[in-house]
Amino acid sequence: MAEESDLSMMKPPIEDLLEAVDSKFTLVTISARRARQINAYFSRLGDGIGSIVPPQVDSISKKSLTVAFEEIAAGKITYSRTEPKPTDQEQEVELAQEFLETRDDLEVEADE
């Protein structure tokens, strides 16, 4: 009987890749970005390496997306979330709330 990891035609299996990230959307984003970086590395080999990071795993595949998946499965690719910047409208609402809170504090002090 085939092992559970042999059920997938893709190597590394998608289940292993999803364990390395928090969502399938993150997997798509970081693998696509890394694949573009790998493509850029190979297209600029004659020009000098520069600041592009070469593939971090030994792979027999010539496809950059497969190499990116292998790097993710090997734990060579990491990511971090950044806090989104508030929009202008969100900033205005926040300032208005702060103003109202300050005004309420002033009214309470004036009543005393």
C-alpha atoms as a PDB file:
ATOM      1  CA  MET A   1       0.000   0.000   0.000  1.00  0.00           C
ATOM      2  CA  ALA A   2       1.277   3.481  -0.855  1.00  0.00           C
ATOM      3  CA  GLU A   3       2.373   5.774   1.916  1.00  0.00           C
ATOM      4  CA  GLU A   4       0.262   8.829   2.622  1.00  0.00           C
ATOM      5  CA  SER A   5       2.925  11.179   1.204  1.00  0.00           C
ATOM      6  CA  ASP A   6       2.959   9.243  -2.091  1.00  0.00           C
ATOM      7  CA  LEU A   7      -0.693  10.086  -2.800  1.00  0.00           C
ATOM      8  CA  SER A   8       0.231  13.489  -4.169  1.00  0.00           C
ATOM      9  CA  MET A   9       1.793  13.827  -7.607  1.00  0.00           C
ATOM     10  CA  MET A  10       3.457  17.036  -6.547  1.00  0.00           C
ATOM     11  CA  LYS A  11       6.786  16.951  -4.782  1.00  0.00           C
ATOM     12  CA  PRO A  12       6.964  18.362  -2.151  1.00  0.00           C
ATOM     13  CA  PRO A  13       3.330  17.536  -1.288  1.00  0.00           C
ATOM     14  CA  ILE A  14       0.986  20.486  -0.920  1.00  0.00           C
ATOM     15  CA  GLU A  15       0.091  19.331   2.602  1.00  0.00           C
ATOM     16  CA  ASP A  16       3.722  19.759   3.693  1.00  0.00           C
ATOM     17  CA  LEU A  17       3.864  23.205   2.135  1.00  0.00           C
ATOM     18  CA  LEU A  18       0.673  24.325   3.856  1.00  0.00           C
ATOM     19  CA  GLU A  19       2.130  23.279   7.213  1.00  0.00           C
ATOM     20  CA  ALA A  20       5.032  25.681   6.640  1.00  0.00           C
ATOM     21  CA  VAL A  21       2.768  28.733   6.196  1.00  0.00           C
ATOM     22  CA  ASP A  22      -0.394  30.100   7.788  1.00  0.00           C
ATOM     23  CA  SER A  23      -2.667  29.992   4.720  1.00  0.00           C
ATOM     24  CA  LYS A  24      -2.829  28.949   1.102  1.00  0.00           C
ATOM     25  CA  PHE A  25      -2.810  32.613   0.090  1.00  0.00           C
ATOM     26  CA  THR A  26       0.497  33.129   1.870  1.00  0.00           C
ATOM     27  CA  LEU A  27       1.882  30.047   0.129  1.00  0.00           C
ATOM     28  CA  VAL A  28       0.882  31.397  -3.282  1.00  0.00           C
ATOM     29  CA  THR A  29       2.322  34.839  -2.557  1.00  0.00           C
ATOM     30  CA  ILE A  30       5.709  33.805  -1.194  1.00  0.00           C
ATOM     31  CA  SER A  31       6.218  31.024  -3.729  1.00  0.00           C
ATOM     32  CA  ALA A  32       5.406  33.346  -6.647  1.00  0.00           C
ATOM     33  CA  ARG A  33       7.724  36.056  -5.331  1.00  0.00           C
ATOM     34  CA  ARG A  34      10.535  33.581  -4.798  1.00  0.00           C
ATOM     35  CA  ALA A  35      10.019  32.032  -8.250  1.00  0.00           C
ATOM     36  CA  ARG A  36      10.379  35.493  -9.813  1.00  0.00           C
ATOM     37  CA  GLN A  37      13.587  36.043  -7.837  1.00  0.00           C
ATOM     38  CA  ILE A  38      14.962  32.694  -9.045  1.00  0.00           C
ATOM     39  CA  ASN A  39      14.059  33.560 -12.655  1.00  0.00           C
ATOM     40  CA  ALA A  40      15.828  36.895 -12.288  1.00  0.00           C
ATOM     41  CA  TYR A  41      18.892  35.160 -10.854  1.00  0.00           C
ATOM     42  CA  PHE A  42      19.186  32.773 -13.800  1.00  0.00           C
ATOM     43  CA  SER A  43      18.473  35.450 -16.405  1.00  0.00           C
ATOM     44  CA  ARG A  44      21.221  37.706 -15.014  1.00  0.00           C
ATOM     45  CA  LEU A  45      23.939  35.115 -14.502  1.00  0.00           C
ATOM     46  CA  GLY A  46      25.988  36.526 -17.359  1.00  0.00           C
ATOM     47  CA  ASP A  47      25.699  40.074 -16.019  1.00  0.00           C
ATOM     48  CA  GLY A  48      27.089  39.239 -12.585  1.00  0.00           C
ATOM     49  CA  ILE A  49      25.171  37.965  -9.615  1.00  0.00           C
ATOM     50  CA  GLY A  50      24.447  41.257  -7.879  1.00  0.00           C
ATOM     51  CA  SER A  51      21.972  41.262  -5.014  1.00  0.00           C
ATOM     52  CA  ILE A  52      19.765  38.390  -6.178  1.00  0.00           C
ATOM     53  CA  VAL A  53      19.880  35.336  -3.924  1.00  0.00           C
ATOM     54  CA  PRO A  54      20.563  32.059  -5.758  1.00  0.00           C
ATOM     55  CA  PRO A  55      18.435  28.946  -5.173  1.00  0.00           C
ATOM     56  CA  GLN A  56      18.891  27.672  -1.608  1.00  0.00           C
ATOM     57  CA  VAL A  57      18.319  23.960  -2.336  1.00  0.00           C
ATOM     58  CA  ASP A  58      19.795  21.495  -4.789  1.00  0.00           C
ATOM     59  CA  SER A  59      17.079  20.591  -7.223  1.00  0.00           C
ATOM     60  CA  ILE A  60      16.882  18.570 -10.390  1.00  0.00           C
ATOM     61  CA  SER A  61      13.957  20.695 -11.530  1.00  0.00           C
ATOM     62  CA  LYS A  62      14.497  23.547 -13.948  1.00  0.00           C
ATOM     63  CA  LYS A  63      11.192  25.172 -13.028  1.00  0.00           C
ATOM     64  CA  SER A  64      11.561  28.109 -10.702  1.00  0.00           C
ATOM     65  CA  LEU A  65       8.211  27.541  -8.977  1.00  0.00           C
ATOM     66  CA  THR A  66       9.165  23.964  -8.098  1.00  0.00           C
ATOM     67  CA  VAL A  67      12.478  25.179  -6.705  1.00  0.00           C
ATOM     68  CA  ALA A  68      10.595  27.798  -4.658  1.00  0.00           C
ATOM     69  CA  PHE A  69       8.278  25.097  -3.270  1.00  0.00           C
ATOM     70  CA  GLU A  70      11.289  22.950  -2.371  1.00  0.00           C
ATOM     71  CA  GLU A  71      12.867  25.905  -0.547  1.00  0.00           C
ATOM     72  CA  ILE A  72       9.659  26.497   1.414  1.00  0.00           C
ATOM     73  CA  ALA A  73       9.397  22.808   2.343  1.00  0.00           C
ATOM     74  CA  ALA A  74      13.055  22.818   3.460  1.00  0.00           C
ATOM     75  CA  GLY A  75      12.439  25.855   5.685  1.00  0.00           C
ATOM     76  CA  LYS A  76      14.815  28.086   3.717  1.00  0.00           C
ATOM     77  CA  ILE A  77      12.159  30.720   3.003  1.00  0.00           C
ATOM     78  CA  THR A  78      10.615  32.702   5.840  1.00  0.00           C
ATOM     79  CA  TYR A  79       8.131  35.540   5.908  1.00  0.00           C
ATOM     80  CA  SER A  80       6.785  38.055   8.379  1.00  0.00           C
ATOM     81  CA  ARG A  81       3.606  40.054   8.544  1.00  0.00           C
ATOM     82  CA  THR A  82       3.686  43.816   8.688  1.00  0.00           C
ATOM     83  CA  GLU A  83       1.040  45.986  10.248  1.00  0.00           C
ATOM     84  CA  PRO A  84      -1.090  47.637   7.559  1.00  0.00           C
ATOM     85  CA  LYS A  85      -0.942  51.411   7.402  1.00  0.00           C
ATOM     86  CA  PRO A  86      -4.216  53.087   8.351  1.00  0.00           C
ATOM     87  CA  THR A  87      -6.071  54.827   5.559  1.00  0.00           C
ATOM     88  CA  ASP A  88      -6.839  58.544   5.668  1.00  0.00           C
ATOM     89  CA  GLN A  89     -10.428  57.816   6.639  1.00  0.00           C
ATOM     90  CA  GLU A  90      -9.342  55.512   9.475  1.00  0.00           C
ATOM     91  CA  GLN A  91      -6.961  58.193  10.743  1.00  0.00           C
ATOM     92  CA  GLU A  92      -9.738  60.799  10.691  1.00  0.00           C
ATOM     93  CA  VAL A  93     -12.068  58.500  12.637  1.00  0.00           C
ATOM     94  CA  GLU A  94      -9.339  57.796  15.174  1.00  0.00           C
ATOM     95  CA  LEU A  95      -8.624  61.515  15.629  1.00  0.00           C
ATOM     96  CA  ALA A  96     -12.336  62.255  16.014  1.00  0.00           C
ATOM     97  CA  GLN A  97     -12.674  59.559  18.680  1.00  0.00           C
ATOM     98  CA  GLU A  98      -9.677  60.958  20.561  1.00  0.00           C
ATOM     99  CA  PHE A  99     -11.176  64.451  20.355  1.00  0.00           C
ATOM    100  CA  LEU A 100     -14.529  63.255  21.703  1.00  0.00           C
ATOM    101  CA  GLU A 101     -12.827  61.413  24.559  1.00  0.00           C
ATOM    102  CA  THR A 102     -10.804  64.521  25.433  1.00  0.00           C
ATOM    103  CA  ARG A 103     -13.908  66.718  25.242  1.00  0.00           C
ATOM    104  CA  ASP A 104     -15.823  64.365  27.551  1.00  0.00           C
ATOM    105  CA  ASP A 105     -12.951  64.492  30.046  1.00  0.00           C
ATOM    106  CA  LEU A 106     -12.991  68.308  29.924  1.00  0.00           C
ATOM    107  CA  GLU A 107     -16.767  68.448  30.494  1.00  0.00           C
ATOM    108  CA  VAL A 108     -16.488  66.142  33.523  1.00  0.00           C
ATOM    109  CA  GLU A 109     -13.762  68.329  35.035  1.00  0.00           C
ATOM    110  CA  ALA A 110     -15.801  71.483  34.376  1.00  0.00           C
ATOM    111  CA  ASP A 111     -18.844  70.008  36.160  1.00  0.00           C
ATOM    112  CA  GLU A 112     -16.844  69.228  39.266  1.00  0.00           C
END
